Amino acid sequence: MNAAVIGASGYSGVELVKILALHPQVELAAVTSRTLVGEKVADSMPALRHLLGDLKFEGSDPVALAARDDLDLFFLALPHGVASDFAKPLHEAGKVVIDLSADFRLNSPALYETYYGKAHPAPDLLAAAPYVLPELADGDWKNASLIACPGCYPTSVQLPLVPLLKDALIDNSGIVINSYSGVSGAGKKVAESFIYAERNESMVAYGTPVHRHLSEIEEQLSAFCGKDCVVQFNPHLAPMTRGISTTIVAKANGTLAEVYASWEKAYAEQPFVGILQSGVFPDTKHVSGTNRADISAVYDARTGNFVLHAAIDNLLKGASGQAVQIMNLKYGFEQTEGLLF
């Protein structure tokens, strides 16, 4: 099939280009950028010169792209608010769209407005866009032509938490989540707080107590456990390029053995979830450059809490790798196709 990456000059877009250029089931037929039109993609991504040949950046006109018969599948690696401008005409033209932005992650337009500060740009499309975290979503989503790819923080939170909430092994209240992200999670923005001298040898919290991803986390956790799930989410910026480390504290309603049995039941057939034994802690270094999530747990007898740990690559399992994993499942390819780096 012929695929297009819209907004390919950002960090997630580069990862998509890298994966799709090598994917045996896909022809990378179009790569767009508003600022690099006409330039060779390889000049912007020199590490991929051996893969991209003379492929050039095209313009980002959503109506013109929707009218092209030679493009079947579109990945939107765009900021929230902008992605909807492309999703609407592409969806109406019958194209398949996998959106990496936040525009279709929330079911409620009101919640979107509260957390993103403006009215939802395409509320009429929300019902048509299932939220798909591949290891947790049911199979009904595969008939959809517009799919919402989860955020990076929410992926690192849901994978360890959801099976335990569904099996009532933890309380749905009082959950505290501390997450640490590499600087690439902020995109290629130019700001003083992201320059090397500011971020090197520096760790800082931000976005508390109400980070944008909190809305996605709580909506999804509540849906899985069937009751309101209000959490304390504390994101931090870590002095590393990529990766997310998440630590979760939750009141225990079962045993550590039951936690691991719940995870084994949920993820036994899932190639991208690594379940580490208790006392072995996930390390961002070990998942960087992969589409894998590593998880583990310990029990604290003093407090009666489980302490859950997860690590992912924010640009791969937290974005582009996960988007390709969704594509593989939708089209019946091997789930790991193009993702065994």
C-alpha atoms as a PDB file:
ATOM      1  CA  MET A   1       0.000   0.000   0.000  1.00  0.00           C
ATOM      2  CA  ASN A   2       1.048   3.598  -0.528  1.00  0.00           C
ATOM      3  CA  ALA A   3       1.482   5.625   2.654  1.00  0.00           C
ATOM      4  CA  ALA A   4       2.028   9.305   3.355  1.00  0.00           C
ATOM      5  CA  VAL A   5       3.557  10.979   6.400  1.00  0.00           C
ATOM      6  CA  ILE A   6       2.065  14.408   7.007  1.00  0.00           C
ATOM      7  CA  GLY A   7       4.288  16.663   9.107  1.00  0.00           C
ATOM      8  CA  ALA A   8       7.394  14.586   8.643  1.00  0.00           C
ATOM      9  CA  SER A   9      10.012  17.061   9.822  1.00  0.00           C
ATOM     10  CA  GLY A  10       9.275  16.641  13.551  1.00  0.00           C
ATOM     11  CA  TYR A  11      10.787  13.941  15.759  1.00  0.00           C
ATOM     12  CA  SER A  12       7.827  11.563  15.431  1.00  0.00           C
ATOM     13  CA  GLY A  13       7.646  12.225  11.698  1.00  0.00           C
ATOM     14  CA  VAL A  14      11.307  11.297  11.243  1.00  0.00           C
ATOM     15  CA  GLU A  15      10.737   8.027  13.101  1.00  0.00           C
ATOM     16  CA  LEU A  16       7.742   7.261  10.878  1.00  0.00           C
ATOM     17  CA  VAL A  17       9.770   7.893   7.736  1.00  0.00           C
ATOM     18  CA  LYS A  18      12.539   5.634   9.040  1.00  0.00           C
ATOM     19  CA  ILE A  19      10.139   2.762   9.822  1.00  0.00           C
ATOM     20  CA  LEU A  20       8.019   3.020   6.676  1.00  0.00           C
ATOM     21  CA  ALA A  21      11.023   3.321   4.365  1.00  0.00           C
ATOM     22  CA  LEU A  22      12.013  -0.182   5.476  1.00  0.00           C
ATOM     23  CA  HIS A  23       8.544  -1.697   5.944  1.00  0.00           C
ATOM     24  CA  PRO A  24       8.103  -4.639   3.551  1.00  0.00           C
ATOM     25  CA  GLN A  25       4.352  -4.085   3.122  1.00  0.00           C
ATOM     26  CA  VAL A  26       4.405  -0.328   2.528  1.00  0.00           C
ATOM     27  CA  GLU A  27       5.595   2.081  -0.129  1.00  0.00           C
ATOM     28  CA  LEU A  28       6.457   5.448   1.374  1.00  0.00           C
ATOM     29  CA  ALA A  29       4.875   7.472  -1.412  1.00  0.00           C
ATOM     30  CA  ALA A  30       4.604  10.980   0.031  1.00  0.00           C
ATOM     31  CA  VAL A  31       6.276  13.003   2.767  1.00  0.00           C
ATOM     32  CA  THR A  32       5.015  16.500   3.526  1.00  0.00           C
ATOM     33  CA  SER A  33       6.263  19.572   5.337  1.00  0.00           C
ATOM     34  CA  ARG A  34       5.012  23.140   5.236  1.00  0.00           C
ATOM     35  CA  THR A  35       8.512  24.575   5.539  1.00  0.00           C
ATOM     36  CA  LEU A  36      10.621  22.175   3.455  1.00  0.00           C
ATOM     37  CA  VAL A  37       8.602  21.838   0.244  1.00  0.00           C
ATOM     38  CA  GLY A  38      10.763  20.802  -2.704  1.00  0.00           C
ATOM     39  CA  GLU A  39      13.769  19.813  -0.618  1.00  0.00           C
ATOM     40  CA  LYS A  40      15.103  16.278  -0.657  1.00  0.00           C
ATOM     41  CA  VAL A  41      13.959  14.386   2.413  1.00  0.00           C
ATOM     42  CA  ALA A  42      17.429  12.848   2.733  1.00  0.00           C
ATOM     43  CA  ASP A  43      18.949  16.325   3.152  1.00  0.00           C
ATOM     44  CA  SER A  44      16.784  16.849   6.230  1.00  0.00           C
ATOM     45  CA  MET A  45      17.294  13.277   7.458  1.00  0.00           C
ATOM     46  CA  PRO A  46      20.861  12.475   6.406  1.00  0.00           C
ATOM     47  CA  ALA A  47      20.982   9.279   8.440  1.00  0.00           C
ATOM     48  CA  LEU A  48      18.412   7.878   5.993  1.00  0.00           C
ATOM     49  CA  ARG A  49      20.161   8.840   2.753  1.00  0.00           C
ATOM     50  CA  HIS A  50      20.616   5.196   1.811  1.00  0.00           C
ATOM     51  CA  LEU A  51      16.847   4.615   2.071  1.00  0.00           C
ATOM     52  CA  LEU A  52      15.172   7.692   0.621  1.00  0.00           C
ATOM     53  CA  GLY A  53      16.801   8.291  -2.746  1.00  0.00           C
ATOM     54  CA  ASP A  54      15.383  11.392  -4.429  1.00  0.00           C
ATOM     55  CA  LEU A  55      12.152  11.512  -2.391  1.00  0.00           C
ATOM     56  CA  LYS A  56      11.205  15.160  -1.802  1.00  0.00           C
ATOM     57  CA  PHE A  57       8.999  16.965   0.663  1.00  0.00           C
ATOM     58  CA  GLU A  58       5.612  17.860  -0.794  1.00  0.00           C
ATOM     59  CA  GLY A  59       3.200  20.604   0.154  1.00  0.00           C
ATOM     60  CA  SER A  60       0.688  20.129   2.936  1.00  0.00           C
ATOM     61  CA  ASP A  61      -2.619  20.929   1.255  1.00  0.00           C
ATOM     62  CA  PRO A  62      -5.204  18.624   2.893  1.00  0.00           C
ATOM     63  CA  VAL A  63      -7.742  18.921   0.070  1.00  0.00           C
ATOM     64  CA  ALA A  64      -5.154  18.155  -2.607  1.00  0.00           C
ATOM     65  CA  LEU A  65      -3.835  15.184  -0.629  1.00  0.00           C
ATOM     66  CA  ALA A  66      -7.355  13.822  -0.126  1.00  0.00           C
ATOM     67  CA  ALA A  67      -7.924  13.907  -3.902  1.00  0.00           C
ATOM     68  CA  ARG A  68      -4.895  11.753  -4.722  1.00  0.00           C
ATOM     69  CA  ASP A  69      -5.762   8.255  -5.912  1.00  0.00           C
ATOM     70  CA  ASP A  70      -2.209   7.004  -5.375  1.00  0.00           C
ATOM     71  CA  LEU A  71      -2.286   7.388  -1.578  1.00  0.00           C
ATOM     72  CA  ASP A  72      -4.131   4.906   0.640  1.00  0.00           C
ATOM     73  CA  LEU A  73      -2.950   5.565   4.188  1.00  0.00           C
ATOM     74  CA  PHE A  74      -2.015   8.765   5.999  1.00  0.00           C
ATOM     75  CA  PHE A  75      -0.069   9.189   9.228  1.00  0.00           C
ATOM     76  CA  LEU A  76      -0.657  12.601  10.815  1.00  0.00           C
ATOM     77  CA  ALA A  77       2.430  13.667  12.790  1.00  0.00           C
ATOM     78  CA  LEU A  78       1.011  17.118  13.481  1.00  0.00           C
ATOM     79  CA  PRO A  79       0.241  19.321  16.495  1.00  0.00           C
ATOM     80  CA  HIS A  80      -3.197  19.135  18.084  1.00  0.00           C
ATOM     81  CA  GLY A  81      -5.644  21.452  16.377  1.00  0.00           C
ATOM     82  CA  VAL A  82      -3.755  21.212  13.085  1.00  0.00           C
ATOM     83  CA  ALA A  83      -4.305  17.468  12.627  1.00  0.00           C
ATOM     84  CA  SER A  84      -8.078  17.928  12.369  1.00  0.00           C
ATOM     85  CA  ASP A  85      -7.625  20.189   9.337  1.00  0.00           C
ATOM     86  CA  PHE A  86      -6.229  17.137   7.525  1.00  0.00           C
ATOM     87  CA  ALA A  87      -8.280  14.390   9.167  1.00  0.00           C
ATOM     88  CA  LYS A  88     -11.624  15.801   8.050  1.00  0.00           C
ATOM     89  CA  PRO A  89     -11.057  15.968   4.241  1.00  0.00           C
ATOM     90  CA  LEU A  90      -9.035  12.744   4.259  1.00  0.00           C
ATOM     91  CA  HIS A  91     -11.750  10.899   6.174  1.00  0.00           C
ATOM     92  CA  GLU A  92     -14.448  12.261   3.876  1.00  0.00           C
ATOM     93  CA  ALA A  93     -12.425  11.035   0.879  1.00  0.00           C
ATOM     94  CA  GLY A  94     -12.390   7.505   2.300  1.00  0.00           C
ATOM     95  CA  LYS A  95      -8.716   7.455   3.213  1.00  0.00           C
ATOM     96  CA  VAL A  96      -7.338   5.609   6.225  1.00  0.00           C
ATOM     97  CA  VAL A  97      -5.897   8.030   8.774  1.00  0.00           C
ATOM     98  CA  ILE A  98      -3.808   7.226  11.855  1.00  0.00           C
ATOM     99  CA  ASP A  99      -3.522  10.383  13.924  1.00  0.00           C
ATOM    100  CA  LEU A 100      -0.611  10.855  16.344  1.00  0.00           C
ATOM    101  CA  SER A 101      -1.964  14.150  17.720  1.00  0.00           C
ATOM    102  CA  ALA A 102      -4.361  14.614  20.637  1.00  0.00           C
ATOM    103  CA  ASP A 103      -7.296  15.683  18.469  1.00  0.00           C
ATOM    104  CA  PHE A 104      -9.191  12.380  18.614  1.00  0.00           C
ATOM    105  CA  ARG A 105      -7.925  10.862  21.860  1.00  0.00           C
ATOM    106  CA  LEU A 106     -10.733  12.237  24.006  1.00  0.00           C
ATOM    107  CA  ASN A 107     -14.377  11.260  23.652  1.00  0.00           C
ATOM    108  CA  SER A 108     -15.680  14.526  25.095  1.00  0.00           C
ATOM    109  CA  PRO A 109     -15.444  17.862  23.235  1.00  0.00           C
ATOM    110  CA  ALA A 110     -15.960  19.625  26.567  1.00  0.00           C
ATOM    111  CA  LEU A 111     -13.001  17.798  28.102  1.00  0.00           C
ATOM    112  CA  TYR A 112     -10.865  18.704  25.084  1.00  0.00           C
ATOM    113  CA  GLU A 113     -11.774  22.384  25.478  1.00  0.00           C
ATOM    114  CA  THR A 114     -10.992  22.297  29.203  1.00  0.00           C
ATOM    115  CA  TYR A 115      -7.530  20.782  28.770  1.00  0.00           C
ATOM    116  CA  TYR A 116      -6.491  22.244  25.402  1.00  0.00           C
ATOM    117  CA  GLY A 117      -7.938  25.715  25.822  1.00  0.00           C
ATOM    118  CA  LYS A 118     -10.095  25.868  22.703  1.00  0.00           C
ATOM    119  CA  ALA A 119     -13.167  24.264  21.183  1.00  0.00           C
ATOM    120  CA  HIS A 120     -12.637  20.909  19.532  1.00  0.00           C
ATOM    121  CA  PRO A 121     -11.984  21.500  15.803  1.00  0.00           C
ATOM    122  CA  ALA A 122     -13.934  18.447  14.548  1.00  0.00           C
ATOM    123  CA  PRO A 123     -16.366  17.152  17.204  1.00  0.00           C
ATOM    124  CA  ASP A 124     -18.466  15.421  14.538  1.00  0.00           C
ATOM    125  CA  LEU A 125     -15.584  12.987  13.897  1.00  0.00           C
ATOM    126  CA  LEU A 126     -15.015  11.858  17.486  1.00  0.00           C
ATOM    127  CA  ALA A 127     -17.470   8.974  17.293  1.00  0.00           C
ATOM    128  CA  ALA A 128     -15.744   7.702  14.143  1.00  0.00           C
ATOM    129  CA  ALA A 129     -12.260   7.674  15.690  1.00  0.00           C
ATOM    130  CA  PRO A 130     -11.539   4.834  18.127  1.00  0.00           C
ATOM    131  CA  TYR A 131      -8.691   5.242  20.601  1.00  0.00           C
ATOM    132  CA  VAL A 132      -6.321   2.330  20.059  1.00  0.00           C
ATOM    133  CA  LEU A 133      -3.619   1.189  22.423  1.00  0.00           C
ATOM    134  CA  PRO A 134      -2.993  -2.114  20.592  1.00  0.00           C
ATOM    135  CA  GLU A 135      -2.438  -4.329  23.639  1.00  0.00           C
ATOM    136  CA  LEU A 136      -5.634  -3.115  25.322  1.00  0.00           C
ATOM    137  CA  ALA A 137      -8.114  -2.265  22.559  1.00  0.00           C
ATOM    138  CA  ASP A 138     -10.756  -4.759  21.450  1.00  0.00           C
ATOM    139  CA  GLY A 139     -10.859  -5.876  17.824  1.00  0.00           C
ATOM    140  CA  ASP A 140     -13.847  -3.755  16.782  1.00  0.00           C
ATOM    141  CA  TRP A 141     -11.619  -0.809  15.950  1.00  0.00           C
ATOM    142  CA  LYS A 142     -10.073  -2.498  12.916  1.00  0.00           C
ATOM    143  CA  ASN A 143     -12.976  -1.452  10.679  1.00  0.00           C
ATOM    144  CA  ALA A 144     -12.393   2.235  11.446  1.00  0.00           C
ATOM    145  CA  SER A 145     -10.738   4.498   8.892  1.00  0.00           C
ATOM    146  CA  LEU A 146      -9.786   7.227  11.387  1.00  0.00           C
ATOM    147  CA  ILE A 147      -7.797   6.019  14.396  1.00  0.00           C
ATOM    148  CA  ALA A 148      -6.424   7.893  17.404  1.00  0.00           C
ATOM    149  CA  CYS A 149      -2.944   6.851  18.506  1.00  0.00           C
ATOM    150  CA  PRO A 150      -2.374   7.202  22.288  1.00  0.00           C
ATOM    151  CA  GLY A 151      -0.014   9.694  23.848  1.00  0.00           C
ATOM    152  CA  CYS A 152       3.387   8.726  25.247  1.00  0.00           C
ATOM    153  CA  TYR A 153       2.746   9.327  28.947  1.00  0.00           C
ATOM    154  CA  PRO A 154      -0.680   7.618  28.801  1.00  0.00           C
ATOM    155  CA  THR A 155       0.848   4.551  27.131  1.00  0.00           C
ATOM    156  CA  SER A 156       3.406   4.170  29.920  1.00  0.00           C
ATOM    157  CA  VAL A 157       0.613   4.541  32.501  1.00  0.00           C
ATOM    158  CA  GLN A 158      -2.095   2.351  31.008  1.00  0.00           C
ATOM    159  CA  LEU A 159      -0.018  -0.725  30.216  1.00  0.00           C
ATOM    160  CA  PRO A 160       0.829  -1.486  33.864  1.00  0.00           C
ATOM    161  CA  LEU A 161      -2.429  -0.150  35.363  1.00  0.00           C
ATOM    162  CA  VAL A 162      -5.303  -1.318  33.168  1.00  0.00           C
ATOM    163  CA  PRO A 163      -5.123  -5.096  33.777  1.00  0.00           C
ATOM    164  CA  LEU A 164      -4.913  -4.499  37.532  1.00  0.00           C
ATOM    165  CA  LEU A 165      -7.888  -2.121  37.536  1.00  0.00           C
ATOM    166  CA  LYS A 166      -9.936  -4.562  35.453  1.00  0.00           C
ATOM    167  CA  ASP A 167      -9.110  -7.378  37.888  1.00  0.00           C
ATOM    168  CA  ALA A 168      -9.767  -5.118  40.932  1.00  0.00           C
ATOM    169  CA  LEU A 169      -6.262  -5.772  42.287  1.00  0.00           C
ATOM    170  CA  ILE A 170      -5.761  -2.078  43.115  1.00  0.00           C
ATOM    171  CA  ASP A 171      -7.994   0.732  44.360  1.00  0.00           C
ATOM    172  CA  ASN A 172      -9.223   3.074  41.647  1.00  0.00           C
ATOM    173  CA  SER A 173      -8.685   6.049  43.985  1.00  0.00           C
ATOM    174  CA  GLY A 174      -5.505   7.516  45.434  1.00  0.00           C
ATOM    175  CA  ILE A 175      -3.278   6.499  42.518  1.00  0.00           C
ATOM    176  CA  VAL A 176      -0.119   8.617  42.234  1.00  0.00           C
ATOM    177  CA  ILE A 177       1.860   8.641  38.972  1.00  0.00           C
ATOM    178  CA  ASN A 178       5.325  10.155  38.544  1.00  0.00           C
ATOM    179  CA  SER A 179       6.637  10.183  34.975  1.00  0.00           C
ATOM    180  CA  TYR A 180       9.966  11.357  33.561  1.00  0.00           C
ATOM    181  CA  SER A 181      10.302  12.169  29.867  1.00  0.00           C
ATOM    182  CA  GLY A 182      13.165  12.855  27.509  1.00  0.00           C
ATOM    183  CA  VAL A 183      13.290  16.324  25.962  1.00  0.00           C
ATOM    184  CA  SER A 184      12.210  15.078  22.521  1.00  0.00           C
ATOM    185  CA  GLY A 185       8.708  14.748  23.969  1.00  0.00           C
ATOM    186  CA  ALA A 186       8.366  18.511  23.667  1.00  0.00           C
ATOM    187  CA  GLY A 187       9.002  18.422  19.913  1.00  0.00           C
ATOM    188  CA  LYS A 188      11.349  20.723  18.018  1.00  0.00           C
ATOM    189  CA  LYS A 189      10.203  23.907  19.669  1.00  0.00           C
ATOM    190  CA  VAL A 190      12.749  26.654  20.143  1.00  0.00           C
ATOM    191  CA  ALA A 191      12.577  27.829  23.754  1.00  0.00           C
ATOM    192  CA  GLU A 192      15.071  28.780  26.440  1.00  0.00           C
ATOM    193  CA  SER A 193      13.949  25.961  28.736  1.00  0.00           C
ATOM    194  CA  PHE A 194      14.940  23.342  26.131  1.00  0.00           C
ATOM    195  CA  ILE A 195      18.431  24.526  25.214  1.00  0.00           C
ATOM    196  CA  TYR A 196      21.347  22.309  26.222  1.00  0.00           C
ATOM    197  CA  ALA A 197      22.662  24.550  29.007  1.00  0.00           C
ATOM    198  CA  GLU A 198      19.258  24.536  30.697  1.00  0.00           C
ATOM    199  CA  ARG A 199      18.386  20.850  30.386  1.00  0.00           C
ATOM    200  CA  ASN A 200      21.782  19.199  30.841  1.00  0.00           C
ATOM    201  CA  GLU A 201      22.246  17.885  34.400  1.00  0.00           C
ATOM    202  CA  SER A 202      18.793  19.174  35.301  1.00  0.00           C
ATOM    203  CA  MET A 203      15.532  17.525  36.348  1.00  0.00           C
ATOM    204  CA  VAL A 204      12.342  19.527  36.717  1.00  0.00           C
ATOM    205  CA  ALA A 205       8.632  18.922  37.246  1.00  0.00           C
ATOM    206  CA  TYR A 206       6.154  20.706  35.018  1.00  0.00           C
ATOM    207  CA  GLY A 207       2.458  20.763  34.166  1.00  0.00           C
ATOM    208  CA  THR A 208       1.241  19.935  37.677  1.00  0.00           C
ATOM    209  CA  PRO A 209      -1.359  19.473  38.933  1.00  0.00           C
ATOM    210  CA  VAL A 210      -3.218  19.436  35.586  1.00  0.00           C
ATOM    211  CA  HIS A 211      -1.177  18.278  32.600  1.00  0.00           C
ATOM    212  CA  ARG A 212      -2.967  17.850  29.255  1.00  0.00           C
ATOM    213  CA  HIS A 213      -2.355  14.105  29.211  1.00  0.00           C
ATOM    214  CA  LEU A 214      -4.171  13.794  32.532  1.00  0.00           C
ATOM    215  CA  SER A 215      -7.478  14.028  30.658  1.00  0.00           C
ATOM    216  CA  GLU A 216      -6.557  11.084  28.429  1.00  0.00           C
ATOM    217  CA  ILE A 217      -5.211   9.029  31.332  1.00  0.00           C
ATOM    218  CA  GLU A 218      -8.287   9.471  33.516  1.00  0.00           C
ATOM    219  CA  GLU A 219     -10.790   8.965  30.700  1.00  0.00           C
ATOM    220  CA  GLN A 220      -9.199   5.702  29.616  1.00  0.00           C
ATOM    221  CA  LEU A 221      -8.620   4.320  33.127  1.00  0.00           C
ATOM    222  CA  SER A 222     -12.213   5.163  34.080  1.00  0.00           C
ATOM    223  CA  ALA A 223     -13.543   3.393  31.006  1.00  0.00           C
ATOM    224  CA  PHE A 224     -11.580   0.236  31.755  1.00  0.00           C
ATOM    225  CA  CYS A 225     -12.490  -0.012  35.440  1.00  0.00           C
ATOM    226  CA  GLY A 226     -16.114   1.090  34.991  1.00  0.00           C
ATOM    227  CA  LYS A 227     -15.969   3.895  37.559  1.00  0.00           C
ATOM    228  CA  ASP A 228     -14.370   7.300  37.943  1.00  0.00           C
ATOM    229  CA  CYS A 229     -10.620   7.031  38.283  1.00  0.00           C
ATOM    230  CA  VAL A 230      -9.027  10.276  39.488  1.00  0.00           C
ATOM    231  CA  VAL A 231      -5.230  10.168  39.672  1.00  0.00           C
ATOM    232  CA  GLN A 232      -2.393  12.438  40.723  1.00  0.00           C
ATOM    233  CA  PHE A 233      -0.154  12.805  37.658  1.00  0.00           C
ATOM    234  CA  ASN A 234       3.248  14.454  38.051  1.00  0.00           C
ATOM    235  CA  PRO A 235       5.275  14.753  34.814  1.00  0.00           C
ATOM    236  CA  HIS A 236       8.959  15.669  34.831  1.00  0.00           C
ATOM    237  CA  LEU A 237      11.465  16.666  32.187  1.00  0.00           C
ATOM    238  CA  ALA A 238      14.598  14.522  32.371  1.00  0.00           C
ATOM    239  CA  PRO A 239      18.074  15.285  30.971  1.00  0.00           C
ATOM    240  CA  MET A 240      17.916  12.707  28.189  1.00  0.00           C
ATOM    241  CA  THR A 241      16.915  12.832  24.541  1.00  0.00           C
ATOM    242  CA  ARG A 242      14.270  10.104  24.511  1.00  0.00           C
ATOM    243  CA  GLY A 243      12.476   7.705  26.792  1.00  0.00           C
ATOM    244  CA  ILE A 244       9.845   7.735  29.526  1.00  0.00           C
ATOM    245  CA  SER A 245      10.190   6.247  32.999  1.00  0.00           C
ATOM    246  CA  THR A 246       6.952   5.979  34.975  1.00  0.00           C
ATOM    247  CA  THR A 247       6.480   5.004  38.623  1.00  0.00           C
ATOM    248  CA  ILE A 248       2.954   4.417  39.944  1.00  0.00           C
ATOM    249  CA  VAL A 249       1.829   3.984  43.558  1.00  0.00           C
ATOM    250  CA  ALA A 250      -1.539   2.260  44.078  1.00  0.00           C
ATOM    251  CA  LYS A 251      -3.261   0.745  47.110  1.00  0.00           C
ATOM    252  CA  ALA A 252      -3.069  -3.052  46.931  1.00  0.00           C
ATOM    253  CA  ASN A 253      -6.211  -5.191  46.919  1.00  0.00           C
ATOM    254  CA  GLY A 254      -4.396  -8.417  46.098  1.00  0.00           C
ATOM    255  CA  THR A 255      -1.030 -10.099  46.159  1.00  0.00           C
ATOM    256  CA  LEU A 256       2.068  -9.487  44.077  1.00  0.00           C
ATOM    257  CA  ALA A 257       1.613 -12.943  42.563  1.00  0.00           C
ATOM    258  CA  GLU A 258      -1.867 -11.899  41.421  1.00  0.00           C
ATOM    259  CA  VAL A 259      -0.424  -8.749  39.841  1.00  0.00           C
ATOM    260  CA  TYR A 260       1.975 -10.808  37.766  1.00  0.00           C
ATOM    261  CA  ALA A 261      -0.742 -13.338  36.905  1.00  0.00           C
ATOM    262  CA  SER A 262      -2.946 -10.474  35.705  1.00  0.00           C
ATOM    263  CA  TRP A 263      -0.167  -9.114  33.511  1.00  0.00           C
ATOM    264  CA  GLU A 264       0.669 -12.549  32.121  1.00  0.00           C
ATOM    265  CA  LYS A 265      -2.982 -13.086  31.236  1.00  0.00           C
ATOM    266  CA  ALA A 266      -3.187  -9.710  29.507  1.00  0.00           C
ATOM    267  CA  TYR A 267       0.158  -9.705  27.708  1.00  0.00           C
ATOM    268  CA  ALA A 268       1.218 -13.320  27.166  1.00  0.00           C
ATOM    269  CA  GLU A 269       0.639 -12.998  23.416  1.00  0.00           C
ATOM    270  CA  GLN A 270       1.832  -9.403  23.137  1.00  0.00           C
ATOM    271  CA  PRO A 271       5.330  -9.115  21.622  1.00  0.00           C
ATOM    272  CA  PHE A 272       5.949  -5.536  22.724  1.00  0.00           C
ATOM    273  CA  VAL A 273       5.315  -5.817  26.470  1.00  0.00           C
ATOM    274  CA  GLY A 274       8.208  -7.124  28.540  1.00  0.00           C
ATOM    275  CA  ILE A 275       7.237  -8.269  32.050  1.00  0.00           C
ATOM    276  CA  LEU A 276      10.284  -8.063  34.311  1.00  0.00           C
ATOM    277  CA  GLN A 277      10.504  -9.961  37.578  1.00  0.00           C
ATOM    278  CA  SER A 278       9.820  -8.109  40.799  1.00  0.00           C
ATOM    279  CA  GLY A 279      12.859  -6.114  41.881  1.00  0.00           C
ATOM    280  CA  VAL A 280      14.140  -5.680  38.329  1.00  0.00           C
ATOM    281  CA  PHE A 281      13.332  -2.121  37.336  1.00  0.00           C
ATOM    282  CA  PRO A 282      12.649  -0.983  33.755  1.00  0.00           C
ATOM    283  CA  ASP A 283      15.397   1.205  32.332  1.00  0.00           C
ATOM    284  CA  THR A 284      14.874   3.706  29.517  1.00  0.00           C
ATOM    285  CA  LYS A 285      18.269   2.721  28.107  1.00  0.00           C
ATOM    286  CA  HIS A 286      16.969  -0.805  27.506  1.00  0.00           C
ATOM    287  CA  VAL A 287      13.870   0.254  25.546  1.00  0.00           C
ATOM    288  CA  SER A 288      15.317   3.246  23.677  1.00  0.00           C
ATOM    289  CA  GLY A 289      15.108   2.635  19.939  1.00  0.00           C
ATOM    290  CA  THR A 290      12.485  -0.120  20.366  1.00  0.00           C
ATOM    291  CA  ASN A 291       8.716  -0.401  20.286  1.00  0.00           C
ATOM    292  CA  ARG A 292       8.777  -2.268  23.607  1.00  0.00           C
ATOM    293  CA  ALA A 293       7.342  -1.388  27.008  1.00  0.00           C
ATOM    294  CA  ASP A 294       9.003  -2.984  30.047  1.00  0.00           C
ATOM    295  CA  ILE A 295       6.963  -3.232  33.258  1.00  0.00           C
ATOM    296  CA  SER A 296       7.537  -4.608  36.771  1.00  0.00           C
ATOM    297  CA  ALA A 297       6.084  -4.328  40.279  1.00  0.00           C
ATOM    298  CA  VAL A 298       7.011  -4.548  43.941  1.00  0.00           C
ATOM    299  CA  TYR A 299       4.821  -4.690  47.051  1.00  0.00           C
ATOM    300  CA  ASP A 300       5.502  -2.377  50.001  1.00  0.00           C
ATOM    301  CA  ALA A 301       4.270  -4.138  53.142  1.00  0.00           C
ATOM    302  CA  ARG A 302       4.788  -0.992  55.233  1.00  0.00           C
ATOM    303  CA  THR A 303       2.270   1.045  53.250  1.00  0.00           C
ATOM    304  CA  GLY A 304       0.108  -1.663  51.688  1.00  0.00           C
ATOM    305  CA  ASN A 305       0.884  -0.269  48.251  1.00  0.00           C
ATOM    306  CA  PHE A 306       1.979  -1.754  44.978  1.00  0.00           C
ATOM    307  CA  VAL A 307       4.702   0.253  43.276  1.00  0.00           C
ATOM    308  CA  LEU A 308       4.508  -0.268  39.515  1.00  0.00           C
ATOM    309  CA  HIS A 309       7.224   0.669  37.041  1.00  0.00           C
ATOM    310  CA  ALA A 310       7.237   1.135  33.259  1.00  0.00           C
ATOM    311  CA  ALA A 311       9.691   2.342  30.636  1.00  0.00           C
ATOM    312  CA  ILE A 312       9.100   3.113  26.955  1.00  0.00           C
ATOM    313  CA  ASP A 313      10.687   5.052  24.118  1.00  0.00           C
ATOM    314  CA  ASN A 314       8.430   8.108  23.855  1.00  0.00           C
ATOM    315  CA  LEU A 315       9.028   8.448  20.095  1.00  0.00           C
ATOM    316  CA  LEU A 316       8.387   4.781  19.259  1.00  0.00           C
ATOM    317  CA  LYS A 317       6.034   2.918  21.618  1.00  0.00           C
ATOM    318  CA  GLY A 318       4.834   6.369  22.669  1.00  0.00           C
ATOM    319  CA  ALA A 319       4.181   7.577  19.112  1.00  0.00           C
ATOM    320  CA  SER A 320       5.470   6.392  15.726  1.00  0.00           C
ATOM    321  CA  GLY A 321       6.207   2.737  16.473  1.00  0.00           C
ATOM    322  CA  GLN A 322       2.797   2.362  18.044  1.00  0.00           C
ATOM    323  CA  ALA A 323       1.164   3.995  15.015  1.00  0.00           C
ATOM    324  CA  VAL A 324       2.829   1.439  12.723  1.00  0.00           C
ATOM    325  CA  GLN A 325       1.831  -1.349  15.109  1.00  0.00           C
ATOM    326  CA  ILE A 326      -1.776  -0.158  14.725  1.00  0.00           C
ATOM    327  CA  MET A 327      -1.366  -0.202  10.942  1.00  0.00           C
ATOM    328  CA  ASN A 328      -0.001  -3.750  11.036  1.00  0.00           C
ATOM    329  CA  LEU A 329      -2.942  -5.003  13.074  1.00  0.00           C
ATOM    330  CA  LYS A 330      -5.522  -3.188  10.972  1.00  0.00           C
ATOM    331  CA  TYR A 331      -4.268  -4.639   7.695  1.00  0.00           C
ATOM    332  CA  GLY A 332      -3.556  -8.135   8.987  1.00  0.00           C
ATOM    333  CA  PHE A 333       0.235  -7.917   8.781  1.00  0.00           C
ATOM    334  CA  GLU A 334       2.420  -9.500  11.425  1.00  0.00           C
ATOM    335  CA  GLN A 335       2.185  -7.219  14.440  1.00  0.00           C
ATOM    336  CA  THR A 336       5.955  -6.940  14.552  1.00  0.00           C
ATOM    337  CA  GLU A 337       6.383  -6.174  10.846  1.00  0.00           C
ATOM    338  CA  GLY A 338       8.906  -3.377  10.395  1.00  0.00           C
ATOM    339  CA  LEU A 339       9.271  -2.943  14.165  1.00  0.00           C
ATOM    340  CA  LEU A 340      11.945  -5.461  15.133  1.00  0.00           C
ATOM    341  CA  PHE A 341      14.780  -2.961  15.172  1.00  0.00           C
END
